[in-house]
Amino acid sequence: MTRQPRIYLAGPDVFARDYAAHKTRIKQWCGELGLLALCPGDDEVQGESKSEIARRIYEINVALIESADAVVANVRDFRGHEPDSGTVFEIGYAVGRGKKVWCYNTPVQDLLAQVPQGEPGYCREGMQIEDFGLPRNLMLAHAAELVQGDLRACLEQVARWHAGGR
C-alpha cells in the first residue's frame, strides 16, 4: 500500500469561530480523496505567555510544512484586498522547500479589477496596481497552481495530481 500524500492546509481559516469543526471536515474530505490532512493546531497550542504560544505555533506549523508533500492554501481576501500574510509566508516557505502548492478561493477577476482605484491604475493610497491580468500578485500566481473554486474542488485537483492525472 502506498503512503497517503501529506497535505498541509494553510489559510486564515484558523481564525474562524468554527475552526475545530472545519478541521474535522477537512480531514474527512482528505481521507475520502486518499490524502492525509495536516491542519494547523493553533486552537490547541498552550503556553505560559502569548509570546511562547506564538513561537510554538510558528514552530509547529513550519514542522508540519516540512513534513508535508504539498500545501493547499486559502488565498481569499482577508482583512482587505490581499490574502492573509501568514498564509503567504507559508506558501513562500513551502515553495522554498520545493513543495508543490495549490491555492483556492482565487478571485476570478484580475487585480486591477479587484482593487478600488483612486486614479486609473493606482489604488486609493496612490500605489500602482499590478496589471498583468493575474488574479493574485505575480509572485503567488507563478509559485502555485491557482484554483478558482473552494477547498473541496482544490483537494480534488490535488488528489488527481498525486494519482498521476496531472
C-alpha atoms as a PDB file:
ATOM      1  CA  MET A   1       0.000   0.000   0.000  1.00  0.00           C
ATOM      2  CA  THR A   2       1.357   3.408  -0.926  1.00  0.00           C
ATOM      3  CA  ARG A   3       1.620   6.154   1.641  1.00  0.00           C
ATOM      4  CA  GLN A   4      -1.095   8.817   1.600  1.00  0.00           C
ATOM      5  CA  PRO A   5       0.196  12.184   0.357  1.00  0.00           C
ATOM      6  CA  ARG A   6       0.532  14.562   3.314  1.00  0.00           C
ATOM      7  CA  ILE A   7      -1.165  17.909   2.614  1.00  0.00           C
ATOM      8  CA  TYR A   8      -0.605  20.983   4.801  1.00  0.00           C
ATOM      9  CA  LEU A   9      -3.680  23.243   4.885  1.00  0.00           C
ATOM     10  CA  ALA A  10      -2.727  26.928   5.077  1.00  0.00           C
ATOM     11  CA  GLY A  11      -5.136  29.818   5.396  1.00  0.00           C
ATOM     12  CA  PRO A  12      -6.928  32.247   7.645  1.00  0.00           C
ATOM     13  CA  ASP A  13      -9.462  29.525   8.474  1.00  0.00           C
ATOM     14  CA  VAL A  14      -7.660  29.121  11.829  1.00  0.00           C
ATOM     15  CA  PHE A  15      -9.262  32.424  12.895  1.00  0.00           C
ATOM     16  CA  ALA A  16     -12.827  31.211  12.273  1.00  0.00           C
ATOM     17  CA  ARG A  17     -15.046  30.584  15.282  1.00  0.00           C
ATOM     18  CA  ASP A  18     -15.886  27.117  13.942  1.00  0.00           C
ATOM     19  CA  TYR A  19     -12.296  26.135  13.083  1.00  0.00           C
ATOM     20  CA  ALA A  20     -12.450  22.875  15.069  1.00  0.00           C
ATOM     21  CA  ALA A  21     -15.485  21.710  13.052  1.00  0.00           C
ATOM     22  CA  HIS A  22     -13.875  22.968   9.822  1.00  0.00           C
ATOM     23  CA  LYS A  23     -10.713  20.996  10.618  1.00  0.00           C
ATOM     24  CA  THR A  24     -12.783  17.831  11.134  1.00  0.00           C
ATOM     25  CA  ARG A  25     -14.457  18.379   7.730  1.00  0.00           C
ATOM     26  CA  ILE A  26     -11.078  18.913   6.031  1.00  0.00           C
ATOM     27  CA  LYS A  27      -9.691  15.691   7.477  1.00  0.00           C
ATOM     28  CA  GLN A  28     -12.791  13.796   6.321  1.00  0.00           C
ATOM     29  CA  TRP A  29     -12.594  15.192   2.778  1.00  0.00           C
ATOM     30  CA  CYS A  30      -8.881  14.467   2.538  1.00  0.00           C
ATOM     31  CA  GLY A  31      -9.435  10.917   3.789  1.00  0.00           C
ATOM     32  CA  GLU A  32     -12.128  10.349   1.153  1.00  0.00           C
ATOM     33  CA  LEU A  33      -9.661  11.514  -1.523  1.00  0.00           C
ATOM     34  CA  GLY A  34      -6.747   9.398  -0.292  1.00  0.00           C
ATOM     35  CA  LEU A  35      -4.922  12.380   1.216  1.00  0.00           C
ATOM     36  CA  LEU A  36      -3.734  12.982   4.771  1.00  0.00           C
ATOM     37  CA  ALA A  37      -4.596  16.453   6.093  1.00  0.00           C
ATOM     38  CA  LEU A  38      -2.029  18.315   8.171  1.00  0.00           C
ATOM     39  CA  CYS A  39      -4.040  21.105   9.793  1.00  0.00           C
ATOM     40  CA  PRO A  40      -2.529  23.864  11.885  1.00  0.00           C
ATOM     41  CA  GLY A  41      -3.449  23.333  15.524  1.00  0.00           C
ATOM     42  CA  ASP A  42      -3.410  26.961  16.612  1.00  0.00           C
ATOM     43  CA  ASP A  43      -6.542  26.292  18.643  1.00  0.00           C
ATOM     44  CA  GLU A  44      -4.740  23.577  20.620  1.00  0.00           C
ATOM     45  CA  VAL A  45      -1.406  25.240  21.479  1.00  0.00           C
ATOM     46  CA  GLN A  46      -0.822  26.217  25.082  1.00  0.00           C
ATOM     47  CA  GLY A  47       1.960  28.035  26.862  1.00  0.00           C
ATOM     48  CA  GLU A  48       2.914  30.295  29.736  1.00  0.00           C
ATOM     49  CA  SER A  49       2.665  33.541  27.741  1.00  0.00           C
ATOM     50  CA  LYS A  50       1.286  34.894  24.474  1.00  0.00           C
ATOM     51  CA  SER A  51       4.845  35.144  23.201  1.00  0.00           C
ATOM     52  CA  GLU A  52       5.529  31.489  23.971  1.00  0.00           C
ATOM     53  CA  ILE A  53       2.269  30.405  22.336  1.00  0.00           C
ATOM     54  CA  ALA A  54       3.052  32.447  19.213  1.00  0.00           C
ATOM     55  CA  ARG A  55       6.550  30.910  18.960  1.00  0.00           C
ATOM     56  CA  ARG A  56       5.168  27.397  19.397  1.00  0.00           C
ATOM     57  CA  ILE A  57       2.500  27.931  16.729  1.00  0.00           C
ATOM     58  CA  TYR A  58       5.206  29.098  14.313  1.00  0.00           C
ATOM     59  CA  GLU A  59       7.471  26.125  15.100  1.00  0.00           C
ATOM     60  CA  ILE A  60       4.656  23.573  14.837  1.00  0.00           C
ATOM     61  CA  ASN A  61       3.382  24.969  11.531  1.00  0.00           C
ATOM     62  CA  VAL A  62       6.868  25.082   9.999  1.00  0.00           C
ATOM     63  CA  ALA A  63       7.440  21.478  11.106  1.00  0.00           C
ATOM     64  CA  LEU A  64       4.104  20.460   9.549  1.00  0.00           C
ATOM     65  CA  ILE A  65       5.059  22.136   6.262  1.00  0.00           C
ATOM     66  CA  GLU A  66       8.443  20.374   6.370  1.00  0.00           C
ATOM     67  CA  SER A  67       6.693  17.016   6.772  1.00  0.00           C
ATOM     68  CA  ALA A  68       4.134  17.724   4.030  1.00  0.00           C
ATOM     69  CA  ASP A  69       4.289  16.564   0.439  1.00  0.00           C
ATOM     70  CA  ALA A  70       2.309  19.608  -0.705  1.00  0.00           C
ATOM     71  CA  VAL A  71       0.468  22.682   0.547  1.00  0.00           C
ATOM     72  CA  VAL A  72      -3.107  23.755  -0.110  1.00  0.00           C
ATOM     73  CA  ALA A  73      -3.699  27.413   0.756  1.00  0.00           C
ATOM     74  CA  ASN A  74      -6.808  29.555   1.099  1.00  0.00           C
ATOM     75  CA  VAL A  75      -5.935  32.851  -0.630  1.00  0.00           C
ATOM     76  CA  ARG A  76      -9.272  34.605  -0.208  1.00  0.00           C
ATOM     77  CA  ASP A  77      -9.250  38.285   0.629  1.00  0.00           C
ATOM     78  CA  PHE A  78      -8.504  38.662   4.329  1.00  0.00           C
ATOM     79  CA  ARG A  79      -8.932  41.940   6.162  1.00  0.00           C
ATOM     80  CA  GLY A  80      -8.559  43.818   2.878  1.00  0.00           C
ATOM     81  CA  HIS A  81      -7.776  43.018  -0.772  1.00  0.00           C
ATOM     82  CA  GLU A  82      -4.948  40.546  -0.237  1.00  0.00           C
ATOM     83  CA  PRO A  83      -4.557  37.058   1.260  1.00  0.00           C
ATOM     84  CA  ASP A  84      -3.592  36.554   4.903  1.00  0.00           C
ATOM     85  CA  SER A  85       0.095  37.411   5.401  1.00  0.00           C
ATOM     86  CA  GLY A  86       0.744  34.258   7.456  1.00  0.00           C
ATOM     87  CA  THR A  87      -0.680  32.160   4.633  1.00  0.00           C
ATOM     88  CA  VAL A  88       1.517  33.976   2.113  1.00  0.00           C
ATOM     89  CA  PHE A  89       4.549  33.237   4.320  1.00  0.00           C
ATOM     90  CA  GLU A  90       3.595  29.548   4.440  1.00  0.00           C
ATOM     91  CA  ILE A  91       3.249  29.449   0.647  1.00  0.00           C
ATOM     92  CA  GLY A  92       6.671  31.054   0.203  1.00  0.00           C
ATOM     93  CA  TYR A  93       8.254  28.755   2.763  1.00  0.00           C
ATOM     94  CA  ALA A  94       6.770  25.690   1.068  1.00  0.00           C
ATOM     95  CA  VAL A  95       7.912  26.818  -2.395  1.00  0.00           C
ATOM     96  CA  GLY A  96      11.377  27.491  -1.000  1.00  0.00           C
ATOM     97  CA  ARG A  97      11.453  23.931   0.345  1.00  0.00           C
ATOM     98  CA  GLY A  98      10.467  22.541  -3.077  1.00  0.00           C
ATOM     99  CA  LYS A  99       6.866  21.696  -2.171  1.00  0.00           C
ATOM    100  CA  LYS A 100       4.028  21.840  -4.692  1.00  0.00           C
ATOM    101  CA  VAL A 101       1.412  24.464  -3.725  1.00  0.00           C
ATOM    102  CA  TRP A 102      -2.210  24.877  -4.726  1.00  0.00           C
ATOM    103  CA  CYS A 103      -4.248  27.962  -3.839  1.00  0.00           C
ATOM    104  CA  TYR A 104      -8.033  28.013  -3.674  1.00  0.00           C
ATOM    105  CA  ASN A 105     -10.625  30.760  -3.357  1.00  0.00           C
ATOM    106  CA  THR A 106      -8.661  32.558  -6.047  1.00  0.00           C
ATOM    107  CA  PRO A 107     -10.653  35.504  -7.419  1.00  0.00           C
ATOM    108  CA  VAL A 108     -11.904  35.337 -10.991  1.00  0.00           C
ATOM    109  CA  GLN A 109     -11.069  38.975 -11.740  1.00  0.00           C
ATOM    110  CA  ASP A 110      -7.539  40.278 -12.212  1.00  0.00           C
ATOM    111  CA  LEU A 111      -6.001  42.552  -9.567  1.00  0.00           C
ATOM    112  CA  LEU A 112      -6.751  45.713 -11.499  1.00  0.00           C
ATOM    113  CA  ALA A 113     -10.474  44.918 -11.373  1.00  0.00           C
ATOM    114  CA  GLN A 114     -10.389  43.892  -7.697  1.00  0.00           C
ATOM    115  CA  VAL A 115      -8.675  46.855  -6.063  1.00  0.00           C
ATOM    116  CA  PRO A 116     -10.606  50.123  -5.696  1.00  0.00           C
ATOM    117  CA  GLN A 117      -8.785  52.833  -7.630  1.00  0.00           C
ATOM    118  CA  GLY A 118      -8.137  56.442  -6.709  1.00  0.00           C
ATOM    119  CA  GLU A 119      -6.998  57.174 -10.254  1.00  0.00           C
ATOM    120  CA  PRO A 120      -6.680  54.714 -13.156  1.00  0.00           C
ATOM    121  CA  GLY A 121      -4.109  52.039 -12.363  1.00  0.00           C
ATOM    122  CA  TYR A 122      -3.461  53.262  -8.805  1.00  0.00           C
ATOM    123  CA  CYS A 123      -5.109  52.281  -5.531  1.00  0.00           C
ATOM    124  CA  ARG A 124      -6.649  54.877  -3.241  1.00  0.00           C
ATOM    125  CA  GLU A 125      -3.327  55.107  -1.384  1.00  0.00           C
ATOM    126  CA  GLY A 126      -1.555  56.103  -4.606  1.00  0.00           C
ATOM    127  CA  MET A 127       0.264  52.795  -5.153  1.00  0.00           C
ATOM    128  CA  GLN A 128       0.342  51.267  -8.617  1.00  0.00           C
ATOM    129  CA  ILE A 129      -1.789  48.149  -9.056  1.00  0.00           C
ATOM    130  CA  GLU A 130      -0.164  45.237 -10.871  1.00  0.00           C
ATOM    131  CA  ASP A 131      -1.635  44.939 -14.354  1.00  0.00           C
ATOM    132  CA  PHE A 132      -0.531  41.515 -15.589  1.00  0.00           C
ATOM    133  CA  GLY A 133      -4.035  40.060 -15.927  1.00  0.00           C
ATOM    134  CA  LEU A 134      -3.453  37.849 -12.867  1.00  0.00           C
ATOM    135  CA  PRO A 135      -5.941  37.326 -10.011  1.00  0.00           C
ATOM    136  CA  ARG A 136      -3.219  37.499  -7.344  1.00  0.00           C
ATOM    137  CA  ASN A 137       0.221  39.060  -7.038  1.00  0.00           C
ATOM    138  CA  LEU A 138       2.548  37.681  -9.724  1.00  0.00           C
ATOM    139  CA  MET A 139       4.770  36.048  -7.110  1.00  0.00           C
ATOM    140  CA  LEU A 140       1.849  33.919  -5.880  1.00  0.00           C
ATOM    141  CA  ALA A 141       0.432  33.362  -9.341  1.00  0.00           C
ATOM    142  CA  HIS A 142       3.690  31.877 -10.610  1.00  0.00           C
ATOM    143  CA  ALA A 143       4.578  29.980  -7.425  1.00  0.00           C
ATOM    144  CA  ALA A 144       1.367  27.981  -7.143  1.00  0.00           C
ATOM    145  CA  GLU A 145      -1.496  26.393  -9.008  1.00  0.00           C
ATOM    146  CA  LEU A 146      -4.383  28.853  -8.675  1.00  0.00           C
ATOM    147  CA  VAL A 147      -7.772  27.188  -8.336  1.00  0.00           C
ATOM    148  CA  GLN A 148     -10.925  29.218  -8.908  1.00  0.00           C
ATOM    149  CA  GLY A 149     -13.013  27.144  -6.578  1.00  0.00           C
ATOM    150  CA  ASP A 150     -13.448  26.135  -2.978  1.00  0.00           C
ATOM    151  CA  LEU A 151     -11.394  23.822  -0.793  1.00  0.00           C
ATOM    152  CA  ARG A 152     -13.170  20.680  -1.941  1.00  0.00           C
ATOM    153  CA  ALA A 153     -12.517  21.484  -5.635  1.00  0.00           C
ATOM    154  CA  CYS A 154      -8.879  22.196  -4.830  1.00  0.00           C
ATOM    155  CA  LEU A 155      -8.426  18.960  -2.877  1.00  0.00           C
ATOM    156  CA  GLU A 156      -9.914  17.037  -5.799  1.00  0.00           C
ATOM    157  CA  GLN A 157      -7.281  18.572  -8.110  1.00  0.00           C
ATOM    158  CA  VAL A 158      -4.530  17.709  -5.628  1.00  0.00           C
ATOM    159  CA  ALA A 159      -5.744  14.115  -5.404  1.00  0.00           C
ATOM    160  CA  ARG A 160      -5.816  13.792  -9.217  1.00  0.00           C
ATOM    161  CA  TRP A 161      -2.307  15.243  -9.456  1.00  0.00           C
ATOM    162  CA  HIS A 162      -0.959  12.822  -6.837  1.00  0.00           C
ATOM    163  CA  ALA A 163      -2.685   9.939  -8.595  1.00  0.00           C
ATOM    164  CA  GLY A 164      -0.790  10.801 -11.760  1.00  0.00           C
ATOM    165  CA  GLY A 165      -3.630  12.581 -13.565  1.00  0.00           C
ATOM    166  CA  ARG A 166      -1.728  15.862 -13.546  1.00  0.00           C
END
